[in-house]
Protein backbone atom coordinates (compact mmCIF):
# COMPACT_ATOMS: atom_id res chain seq x y z
CA UNK A 1 14.96 12.24 -19.86
CA UNK A 2 14.34 8.52 -19.29
CA UNK A 3 13.12 7.09 -16.00
CA UNK A 4 13.26 3.32 -15.56
CA UNK A 5 10.84 1.94 -12.95
CA UNK A 6 10.41 -1.44 -11.28
CA UNK A 7 8.37 -3.11 -8.54
CA UNK A 8 8.26 -6.76 -7.51
CA UNK A 9 4.71 -7.15 -8.83
CA UNK A 10 3.20 -6.13 -12.16
CA UNK A 11 -0.28 -5.51 -13.53
CA UNK A 12 -0.38 -9.16 -14.64
CA UNK A 13 0.48 -10.60 -11.22
CA UNK A 14 -0.94 -8.19 -8.64
CA UNK A 15 -4.45 -9.66 -8.29
CA UNK A 16 -3.05 -13.11 -7.47
CA UNK A 17 -0.51 -11.64 -5.02
CA UNK A 18 -2.59 -9.19 -2.99
CA UNK A 19 -1.38 -9.30 0.59
CA UNK A 20 1.96 -10.87 -0.29
CA UNK A 21 5.24 -9.16 0.70
CA UNK A 22 5.79 -5.82 -1.06
CA UNK A 23 2.47 -5.95 -2.93
CA UNK A 24 1.69 -2.33 -1.99
CA UNK A 25 4.77 -1.08 -3.88
CA UNK A 26 2.94 -1.82 -7.13
CA UNK A 27 0.15 0.60 -6.21
CA UNK A 28 2.64 3.26 -5.15
CA UNK A 29 4.47 2.91 -8.48
CA UNK A 30 1.15 3.15 -10.31
CA UNK A 31 0.38 6.49 -8.64
CA UNK A 32 3.85 7.91 -9.25
CA UNK A 33 3.90 6.85 -12.88
CA UNK A 34 1.25 9.34 -14.01
CA UNK A 35 3.43 12.21 -12.73
CA UNK A 36 6.72 10.82 -14.02
CA UNK A 37 5.24 10.49 -17.51
CA UNK A 38 4.53 14.22 -17.57
CA UNK A 39 8.24 15.07 -17.83
CA UNK A 40 10.07 11.88 -18.83
CA UNK A 41 9.87 8.71 -20.86
CA UNK A 42 8.95 6.01 -18.33
CA UNK A 43 10.02 2.44 -19.05
CA UNK A 44 8.95 -0.36 -16.72
CA UNK A 45 11.24 -3.37 -16.50
CA UNK A 46 10.97 -6.84 -14.95
CA UNK A 47 14.62 -7.80 -14.37
CA UNK A 48 16.28 -5.10 -12.20
CA UNK A 49 19.69 -6.78 -12.33
CA UNK A 50 19.98 -6.67 -16.12
CA UNK A 51 17.47 -4.39 -17.86
CA UNK A 52 18.40 -0.96 -16.39
CA UNK A 53 21.95 -1.07 -17.76
CA UNK A 54 20.74 -2.11 -21.23
CA UNK A 55 18.58 1.00 -21.36
CA UNK A 56 21.21 3.16 -19.66
CA UNK A 57 23.83 2.31 -22.29
CA UNK A 58 21.39 3.33 -25.01
CA UNK A 59 20.67 6.65 -23.23
CA UNK A 60 24.38 7.24 -22.73
CA UNK A 61 24.96 6.91 -26.47
CA UNK A 62 22.14 9.40 -27.09
CA UNK A 63 23.49 11.77 -24.38
CA UNK A 64 20.17 11.61 -22.57
CA UNK A 65 19.75 11.62 -18.76
CA UNK A 66 18.64 8.26 -17.37
CA UNK A 67 17.59 7.25 -13.84
CA UNK A 68 16.39 3.98 -12.30
CA UNK A 69 13.68 4.30 -9.61
CA UNK A 70 13.29 0.94 -7.88
CA UNK A 71 10.02 0.78 -5.92
CA UNK A 72 11.34 -1.85 -3.55
CA UNK A 73 12.65 -1.98 0.02
CA UNK A 74 16.37 -1.11 0.17
CA UNK A 75 17.38 -4.69 1.01
CA UNK A 76 15.68 -5.86 -2.21
CA UNK A 77 17.10 -3.11 -4.40
CA UNK A 78 19.93 -3.96 -6.79
CA UNK A 79 23.35 -2.40 -6.17
CA UNK A 80 26.31 -2.19 -8.53
CA UNK A 81 24.48 -1.04 -11.65
CA UNK A 82 26.00 1.49 -14.02
CA UNK A 83 22.64 3.27 -14.17
CA UNK A 84 22.08 5.76 -11.31
CA UNK A 85 19.67 4.00 -8.93
CA UNK A 86 17.32 5.25 -6.21
CA UNK A 87 15.33 3.03 -3.88
CA UNK A 88 11.78 4.36 -3.35
CA UNK A 89 10.55 2.79 -0.15
CA UNK A 90 8.21 2.95 2.84
CA UNK A 91 9.32 2.48 6.46
CA UNK A 92 7.49 2.60 9.78
CA UNK A 93 10.09 1.82 12.48
CA UNK A 94 12.16 4.29 14.46
CA UNK A 95 15.48 2.87 13.22
CA UNK A 96 16.64 1.20 10.00
CA UNK A 97 18.33 -2.24 9.90
CA UNK A 98 22.08 -2.01 10.39
CA UNK A 99 23.03 -5.70 10.64
CA UNK A 100 23.85 -8.29 7.98
CA UNK A 101 21.96 -11.58 7.93
CA UNK A 102 21.48 -14.43 5.45
CA UNK A 103 24.86 -13.50 3.93
CA UNK A 104 23.33 -10.51 2.12
CA UNK A 105 25.07 -7.20 2.78
CA UNK A 106 21.95 -5.35 1.62
CA UNK A 107 20.19 -6.26 4.87
CA UNK A 108 22.34 -3.52 6.35
CA UNK A 109 20.52 -0.67 4.66
CA UNK A 110 23.52 1.63 5.05
CA UNK A 111 25.35 -0.56 2.51
CA UNK A 112 22.63 0.09 -0.08
CA UNK A 113 22.42 3.81 0.61
CA UNK A 114 26.20 4.21 0.32
CA UNK A 115 26.15 2.52 -3.08
CA UNK A 116 23.21 4.53 -4.40
CA UNK A 117 24.18 7.85 -2.80
CA UNK A 118 20.56 8.94 -2.26
CA UNK A 119 17.07 7.60 -1.50
CA UNK A 120 13.37 8.48 -1.63
CA UNK A 121 10.89 7.56 1.09
CA UNK A 122 7.29 8.59 1.80
CA UNK A 123 7.39 10.34 5.18
CA UNK A 124 9.50 12.69 7.26
CA UNK A 125 9.48 9.97 9.95
CA UNK A 126 11.28 7.49 7.67
CA UNK A 127 13.63 10.19 6.34
CA UNK A 128 14.69 11.00 9.91
CA UNK A 129 15.27 7.29 10.63
CA UNK A 130 17.67 7.13 7.68
CA UNK A 131 19.48 10.35 8.66
CA UNK A 132 20.13 8.96 12.14
CA UNK A 133 22.40 6.34 10.57
CA UNK A 134 23.60 8.08 7.41
CA UNK A 135 24.08 11.59 8.77
CA UNK A 136 22.10 14.79 8.35
CA UNK A 137 23.72 15.54 5.02
CA UNK A 138 22.60 12.33 3.31
CA UNK A 139 20.31 13.14 0.34
CA UNK A 140 16.96 11.56 1.19
CA UNK A 141 13.62 13.03 0.16
CA UNK A 142 10.19 12.49 1.68
CA UNK A 143 7.76 12.20 -1.25
CA UNK A 144 4.36 10.58 -0.61
CA UNK A 145 2.37 8.84 -3.32
CA UNK A 146 0.17 11.40 -5.15
CA UNK A 147 -3.31 10.36 -3.95
CA UNK A 148 -5.20 13.65 -3.44
CA UNK A 149 -6.12 14.64 -7.00
CA UNK A 150 -7.68 11.27 -7.78
CA UNK A 151 -9.96 11.19 -4.72
CA UNK A 152 -10.86 14.81 -4.02
CA UNK A 153 -13.47 14.53 -6.79
CA UNK A 154 -15.61 12.46 -4.41
CA UNK A 155 -15.65 15.28 -1.87
CA UNK A 156 -18.77 17.40 -1.51
CA UNK A 157 -18.04 20.65 0.40
CA UNK A 158 -20.35 21.54 3.28
CA UNK A 159 -22.14 18.20 2.95
CA UNK A 160 -23.74 17.20 6.25
CA UNK A 161 -23.96 13.41 6.75
CA UNK A 162 -27.35 12.05 5.69
CA UNK A 163 -27.76 8.97 7.87
CA UNK A 164 -30.83 7.88 5.90
CA UNK A 165 -28.88 7.67 2.63
CA UNK A 166 -28.03 4.17 1.35
CA UNK A 167 -25.35 3.02 -1.04
CA UNK A 168 -25.06 -0.12 -3.11
CA UNK A 169 -21.69 -1.61 -4.04
CA UNK A 170 -21.38 -4.27 -6.72
CA UNK A 171 -18.83 -6.71 -5.27
CA UNK A 172 -16.79 -8.92 -7.58
CA UNK A 173 -15.85 -11.31 -4.83
CA UNK A 174 -17.13 -12.52 -1.48
CA UNK A 175 -18.37 -10.76 1.62
CA UNK A 176 -19.66 -11.85 5.02
CA UNK A 177 -22.42 -9.75 6.55
CA UNK A 178 -22.50 -10.17 10.34
CA UNK A 179 -25.48 -7.95 11.08
CA UNK A 180 -25.49 -8.52 14.83
CA UNK A 181 -25.20 -11.73 16.83
CA UNK A 182 -27.50 -12.26 19.81
CA UNK A 183 -26.02 -15.49 21.13
CA UNK A 184 -23.63 -14.95 24.07
CA UNK A 185 -21.47 -17.92 23.09
CA UNK A 186 -21.06 -19.89 19.86
CA UNK A 187 -19.25 -23.24 19.84
CA UNK A 188 -16.80 -23.71 16.97
CA UNK A 189 -19.24 -25.68 14.80
CA UNK A 190 -21.97 -23.09 15.24
CA UNK A 191 -19.49 -20.31 14.44
CA UNK A 192 -18.76 -21.93 11.08
CA UNK A 193 -22.48 -22.38 10.37
CA UNK A 194 -23.28 -18.79 11.41
CA UNK A 195 -20.54 -17.50 9.10
CA UNK A 196 -21.63 -19.72 6.19
CA UNK A 197 -25.24 -18.52 6.46
CA UNK A 198 -24.07 -14.91 6.18
CA UNK A 199 -21.55 -15.40 3.37
CA UNK A 200 -22.32 -14.05 -0.10
CA UNK A 201 -20.00 -15.75 -2.56
CA UNK A 202 -19.10 -15.15 -6.17
CA UNK A 203 -21.28 -17.52 -8.23
CA UNK A 204 -19.98 -16.97 -11.75
CA UNK A 205 -17.41 -15.20 -13.87
CA UNK A 206 -19.43 -12.02 -14.34
CA UNK A 207 -21.62 -12.32 -11.25
CA UNK A 208 -21.54 -9.55 -8.65
CA UNK A 209 -23.15 -9.46 -5.24
CA UNK A 210 -24.79 -6.19 -4.19
CA UNK A 211 -23.66 -4.90 -0.79
CA UNK A 212 -25.98 -2.29 0.73
CA UNK A 213 -24.58 0.22 3.22
CA UNK A 214 -26.32 2.93 5.22
CA UNK A 215 -26.16 4.80 8.50
CA UNK A 216 -22.74 5.48 9.98
CA UNK A 217 -20.09 3.43 8.21
CA UNK A 218 -16.56 2.93 9.55
CA UNK A 219 -14.19 1.52 6.93
CA UNK A 220 -10.79 -0.09 7.38
CA UNK A 221 -8.58 -1.43 4.56
CA UNK A 222 -5.81 -3.79 5.67
CA UNK A 223 -4.11 -7.16 5.42
CA UNK A 224 -5.16 -9.31 8.42
CA UNK A 225 -1.98 -11.37 8.10
CA UNK A 226 0.20 -8.32 8.71
CA UNK A 227 0.64 -8.14 12.48
CA UNK A 228 1.54 -4.44 12.27
CA UNK A 229 -2.05 -3.57 11.33
CA UNK A 230 -3.25 -4.36 14.86
CA UNK A 231 -6.81 -4.94 13.59
CA UNK A 232 -7.76 -6.93 16.71
CA UNK A 233 -7.84 -3.75 18.80
CA UNK A 234 -10.01 -2.11 16.13
CA UNK A 235 -12.60 -4.90 16.19
CA UNK A 236 -12.68 -4.99 19.99
CA UNK A 237 -12.97 -1.23 20.30
CA UNK A 238 -15.76 -1.00 17.72
CA UNK A 239 -17.89 -3.84 19.09
CA UNK A 240 -17.46 -2.75 22.70
CA UNK A 241 -18.43 0.82 21.83
CA UNK A 242 -21.50 -0.10 19.74
CA UNK A 243 -22.57 -3.48 21.06
CA UNK A 244 -26.09 -2.13 21.70
CA UNK A 245 -26.50 -0.03 18.52
CA UNK A 246 -27.86 -1.10 15.14
CA UNK A 247 -27.23 1.99 13.01
CA UNK A 248 -23.47 1.48 12.67
CA UNK A 249 -21.32 -0.68 10.41
CA UNK A 250 -17.64 -1.56 10.48
CA UNK A 251 -16.57 -2.62 7.00
CA UNK A 252 -13.33 -4.57 6.97
CA UNK A 253 -11.92 -4.48 3.43
CA UNK A 254 -9.52 -7.40 3.47
CA UNK A 255 -6.41 -7.06 1.31
CA UNK A 256 -5.23 -10.64 0.85
CA UNK A 257 -5.37 -13.28 -1.87
CA UNK A 258 -6.53 -16.16 0.39
CA UNK A 259 -10.14 -15.76 1.53
CA UNK A 260 -10.29 -18.80 3.83
CA UNK A 261 -7.13 -17.90 5.73
CA UNK A 262 -8.17 -14.34 6.43
CA UNK A 263 -11.81 -15.07 7.29
CA UNK A 264 -10.86 -17.61 9.94
CA UNK A 265 -8.55 -15.08 11.60
CA UNK A 266 -11.19 -12.34 11.63
CA UNK A 267 -14.26 -14.34 12.66
CA UNK A 268 -12.38 -16.06 15.47
CA UNK A 269 -11.78 -12.67 17.13
CA UNK A 270 -15.28 -11.38 16.37
CA UNK A 271 -17.05 -14.33 17.98
CA UNK A 272 -15.13 -13.76 21.21
CA UNK A 273 -17.15 -10.53 21.57
CA UNK A 274 -20.72 -11.81 21.25
CA UNK A 275 -23.44 -10.79 21.82
CA UNK A 276 -23.58 -7.53 19.85
CA UNK A 277 -26.19 -5.62 17.85
CA UNK A 278 -23.85 -3.62 15.59
CA UNK A 279 -22.97 -4.72 12.07
CA UNK A 280 -19.63 -5.97 10.74
CA UNK A 281 -18.95 -6.69 7.07
CA UNK A 282 -15.87 -8.61 5.95
CA UNK A 283 -15.27 -7.80 2.29
CA UNK A 284 -12.81 -9.89 0.31
CA UNK A 285 -12.05 -9.55 -3.36
CA UNK A 286 -11.04 -7.05 -5.97
CA UNK A 287 -12.94 -3.76 -6.19
CA UNK A 288 -12.82 -2.03 -9.54
CA UNK A 289 -12.65 1.77 -9.69
CA UNK A 290 -16.44 2.23 -9.62
CA UNK A 291 -16.93 -0.14 -6.67
CA UNK A 292 -14.07 1.44 -4.73
CA UNK A 293 -15.52 4.90 -5.40
CA UNK A 294 -18.89 3.71 -4.06
CA UNK A 295 -17.18 2.44 -0.92
CA UNK A 296 -15.48 5.81 -0.41
CA UNK A 297 -18.78 7.66 -0.81
CA UNK A 298 -20.59 5.30 1.60
CA UNK A 299 -17.93 5.73 4.30
CA UNK A 300 -18.40 8.12 7.22
CA UNK A 301 -15.00 7.54 8.87
CA UNK A 302 -11.82 5.80 7.75
CA UNK A 303 -10.13 3.82 10.56
CA UNK A 304 -6.52 2.84 11.22
CA UNK A 305 -5.12 1.20 14.37
CA UNK A 306 -1.68 0.13 13.11
CA UNK A 307 1.48 0.03 15.19
CA UNK A 308 3.28 1.76 12.33
CA UNK A 309 2.67 2.92 8.76
CA UNK A 310 5.02 3.62 5.88
CA UNK A 311 2.40 6.04 4.47
CA UNK A 312 -0.99 4.16 4.39
CA UNK A 313 -2.52 4.72 0.96
CA UNK A 314 -6.13 3.85 1.95
CA UNK A 315 -6.08 6.40 4.76
CA UNK A 316 -4.70 9.05 2.39
CA UNK A 317 -7.27 8.22 -0.29
CA UNK A 318 -10.33 8.35 1.95
CA UNK A 319 -9.19 11.53 3.69
CA UNK A 320 -8.54 13.14 0.31
CA UNK A 321 -12.23 12.43 -0.40
CA UNK A 322 -13.24 14.31 2.75
CA UNK A 323 -13.59 11.41 5.17
CA UNK A 324 -12.36 12.21 8.71
CA UNK A 325 -10.26 9.52 10.35
CA UNK A 326 -9.91 7.56 13.53
CA UNK A 327 -6.16 6.99 13.64
CA UNK A 328 -2.99 7.48 15.68
CA UNK A 329 -0.60 10.30 14.75
CA UNK A 330 2.62 8.28 14.75
CA UNK A 331 5.14 7.06 12.12
CA UNK A 332 4.20 8.30 8.61
CA UNK A 333 0.76 9.39 9.80
CA UNK A 334 2.26 12.19 11.88
CA UNK A 335 2.69 14.10 8.59
CA UNK A 336 -1.06 14.45 8.04
CA UNK A 337 -3.11 13.21 11.03
CA UNK A 338 -4.06 15.81 13.67
CA UNK A 339 -6.97 16.90 15.84
CA UNK A 340 -8.49 19.01 13.07
CA UNK A 341 -9.12 16.13 10.68
CA UNK A 342 -9.22 13.05 12.91
CA UNK A 343 -10.14 11.56 16.25
CA UNK A 344 -6.54 10.95 17.22
CA UNK A 345 -5.86 7.67 19.00
CA UNK A 346 -3.18 8.02 21.66
CA UNK A 347 -0.09 5.83 21.35
CA UNK A 348 3.31 5.26 22.95
CA UNK A 349 6.59 3.68 21.78
CA UNK A 350 7.27 0.01 22.43
CA UNK A 351 10.18 -2.31 21.69
CA UNK A 352 10.00 -4.17 18.38
CA UNK A 353 12.10 -6.15 15.94
CA UNK A 354 12.85 -5.33 12.30
CA UNK A 355 10.36 -7.26 10.13
CA UNK A 356 12.91 -9.39 8.23
CA UNK A 357 15.41 -9.93 11.06
CA UNK A 358 15.61 -13.74 11.59
CA UNK A 359 16.81 -13.25 15.17
CA UNK A 360 13.66 -11.27 16.10
CA UNK A 361 15.86 -9.23 18.45
CA UNK A 362 14.17 -6.16 19.93
CA UNK A 363 16.38 -3.47 18.41
CA UNK A 364 13.90 -0.85 17.24
CA UNK A 365 10.63 0.81 18.24
CA UNK A 366 7.13 1.00 16.87
CA UNK A 367 3.93 2.15 18.60
CA UNK A 368 1.32 0.63 20.87
CA UNK A 369 -2.05 2.33 20.74
CA UNK A 370 -4.04 3.16 23.86
CA UNK A 371 -7.15 0.96 23.62
CA UNK A 372 -9.32 3.17 25.82
CA UNK A 373 -8.42 6.14 23.61
CA UNK A 374 -9.57 4.11 20.58
CA UNK A 375 -12.81 3.14 22.33
CA UNK A 376 -13.50 6.82 23.18
CA UNK A 377 -12.70 7.82 19.58
CA UNK A 378 -15.42 5.50 18.30
CA UNK A 379 -17.96 6.92 20.77
CA UNK A 380 -17.01 10.56 20.10
CA UNK A 381 -17.02 10.12 16.33
CA UNK A 382 -20.52 8.65 16.43
CA UNK A 383 -21.72 11.54 18.57
CA UNK A 384 -20.27 14.08 16.10
CA UNK A 385 -21.86 12.41 13.06
CA UNK A 386 -25.28 12.20 14.75
CA UNK A 387 -25.47 15.33 16.89
CA UNK A 388 -22.86 17.78 15.53
CA UNK A 389 -22.96 17.62 11.72
CA UNK A 390 -21.37 21.08 11.38
CA UNK A 391 -18.28 19.84 13.23
CA UNK A 392 -18.19 16.76 11.01
CA UNK A 393 -18.29 19.04 7.96
CA UNK A 394 -15.37 21.13 9.29
CA UNK A 395 -13.33 17.97 9.93
CA UNK A 396 -14.06 16.80 6.38
CA UNK A 397 -12.92 20.17 4.98
CA UNK A 398 -9.76 19.97 7.07
CA UNK A 399 -9.04 16.42 5.88
CA UNK A 400 -9.19 17.52 2.26
CA UNK A 401 -6.97 20.57 2.85
CA UNK A 402 -4.42 18.60 4.92
CA UNK A 403 -4.04 15.91 2.28
CA UNK A 404 -3.83 18.51 -0.48
CA UNK A 405 -0.80 19.98 1.28
CA UNK A 406 0.66 16.51 1.82
CA UNK A 407 0.08 14.38 -1.28
CA UNK A 408 -1.36 16.45 -4.12
CA UNK A 409 0.12 16.15 -7.59
CA UNK A 410 1.57 19.67 -7.37
CA UNK A 411 3.41 18.88 -4.11
CA UNK A 412 4.82 15.58 -5.38
CA UNK A 413 5.85 17.10 -8.72
CA UNK A 414 7.86 19.86 -7.06
CA UNK A 415 9.61 17.42 -4.69
CA UNK A 416 10.55 15.13 -7.57
CA UNK A 417 12.05 18.08 -9.43
CA UNK A 418 14.23 18.77 -6.37
CA UNK A 419 15.61 15.25 -6.72
CA UNK A 420 16.38 15.79 -10.40
CA UNK A 421 18.05 19.14 -9.71
CA UNK A 422 20.22 17.49 -7.04
CA UNK A 423 21.29 14.89 -9.62
CA UNK A 424 22.30 17.65 -12.02
CA UNK A 425 19.51 17.04 -14.55
CA UNK A 426 18.81 20.23 -16.49
CA UNK A 427 15.31 21.73 -16.42
CA UNK A 428 15.07 21.53 -20.23
CA UNK A 429 15.50 17.74 -20.02
CA UNK A 430 12.21 17.55 -18.08
CA UNK A 431 9.70 17.78 -20.88
CA UNK A 432 6.65 15.87 -22.10
CA UNK A 433 7.97 13.23 -24.51
CA UNK A 434 6.36 12.26 -27.80
CA UNK A 435 5.23 8.62 -27.20
CA UNK A 436 5.60 7.56 -30.84
CA UNK A 437 9.10 9.01 -31.19
CA UNK A 438 10.19 7.51 -27.90
CA UNK A 439 8.86 4.10 -28.84
CA UNK A 440 10.89 4.14 -32.06
CA UNK A 441 13.98 5.41 -30.24
CA UNK A 442 13.96 2.49 -27.78
CA UNK A 443 12.96 -0.23 -30.23
CA UNK A 444 16.38 -1.92 -30.19
CA UNK A 445 17.08 -2.02 -26.39
CA UNK A 446 13.49 -3.04 -25.64
CA UNK A 447 13.71 -5.83 -28.21
CA UNK A 448 16.93 -7.00 -26.54
CA UNK A 449 15.20 -7.04 -23.14
CA UNK A 450 12.26 -8.96 -24.60
CA UNK A 451 14.66 -11.53 -26.08
CA UNK A 452 16.29 -12.03 -22.69
CA UNK A 453 12.86 -12.48 -21.10
CA UNK A 454 11.96 -15.13 -23.68
CA UNK A 455 15.22 -16.98 -23.10
CA UNK A 456 14.65 -16.83 -19.35
CA UNK A 457 11.21 -18.39 -19.74
CA UNK A 458 12.68 -21.17 -21.89
CA UNK A 459 15.43 -21.79 -19.36
CA UNK A 460 12.92 -21.92 -16.50
CA UNK A 461 10.75 -24.30 -18.50
CA UNK A 462 13.71 -26.60 -19.06
CA UNK A 463 14.69 -26.43 -15.41
CA UNK A 464 11.18 -27.48 -14.41
CA UNK A 465 10.91 -30.25 -17.04
CA UNK A 466 12.83 -33.04 -15.38
CA UNK A 467 11.16 -36.23 -16.54
CA UNK A 468 11.15 -37.34 -20.17
CA UNK A 469 14.28 -35.40 -21.23
CA UNK A 470 17.58 -37.30 -21.37
CA UNK A 471 20.27 -35.78 -19.16
CA UNK A 472 22.73 -35.24 -22.02
CA UNK A 473 20.21 -33.37 -24.17
CA UNK A 474 19.06 -31.27 -21.22
CA UNK A 475 22.67 -30.38 -20.41
CA UNK A 476 23.41 -29.28 -24.00
CA UNK A 477 20.24 -27.16 -24.19
CA UNK A 478 20.97 -25.44 -20.89
CA UNK A 479 24.55 -24.67 -21.96
CA UNK A 480 23.36 -23.09 -25.22
CA UNK A 481 20.85 -20.92 -23.37
CA UNK A 482 23.49 -19.83 -20.83
CA UNK A 483 25.80 -18.89 -23.71
CA UNK A 484 23.03 -16.80 -25.21
CA UNK A 485 23.13 -14.59 -22.14
């Protein structure tokens, strides 16, 4: 069997595009790929309008099953291919878009689903939103990204929090360490100076700043430019709860490519809450596997205050490592957040607009968290970590078990096989391929795809080279390249 995969970003582009639209789909694809490769030849392509059918025609000639999994939102997924196509997507609103805008029929998701005939999402919440429009019989599967197996190795059963333990993280990037602020009010110029004095920047290509963490550490991983993350309530709730305590840290791991833009947003809100004794760390930059593992180990609680989540990979990863959460139990999180493994933040539905709807009409629902409930969750979680370590240990155990049942490799593998059975793919076609044989078998179609990519780069180069090339010559070159396609 051959599975073709695609996301808008690749390994070459992801670091420069962190925080951009659809960046998280790359990480979801990366997690799925390890499972898909256990029973199929996986081929990643860059041009979803052209490449899948090149490979599909080759598979058809070899009488081999072929499927295209596009890790993209439905409105960005190609329709009309010969190759069977499935959109693999995340969704956090109560309803799916059912209107057409910008002259693109795909903005009505029903159009895409009718063409594809099936879909994969990451939560029962999103699956139900699709069924409301497509009918209960529409084939849609809830399959989360397989996160548990990778992070459970950081879990230590029956480990009681040692608040005297310290951790050091080697940061390849920049962080701001706001270890308390005693001044009740800081004018704008003093805010900038205060931030600059507490900023640890990258000073060279291989230079890394050590970040030391100890005590009770609350960690949140989010994009501050995504309004759905509702991080302002998190910062306010944390500082108000611990404004007189020094043994607590809120680490804000910022997921965005532009440091200056995100820091200004965050510090502006933080300085509204002075004075405070508690510590806040704003961490920007790429964390390699070792640094990220150190952050997971240093964390006491993982925090989420979003108005909706499509699945929330960071929350799943930290909980798989035995870190209890402070989070609401709405949207995708209702599949794995409950009182046994988290301090559940209360929430209620509120009117909202679909993210890409240019009219911004309020035609769907997401969730508004109860701020007092969040504030109490911070206080109660601190009390448990300090005074009730046995309860903390039980919550950690429960987090690991809950995520095992939700997003372990075994669970995801079985759900994927259900998809393949529905598509009529025989069990014997799902086998571990020989990489060398498969590489030889696809030499011709892959070479054809590579040729098209080269021609595309040449065409783009010509399109961007305006000055210095006579119009007649440029016209003849462009026509020859078009004919090559």
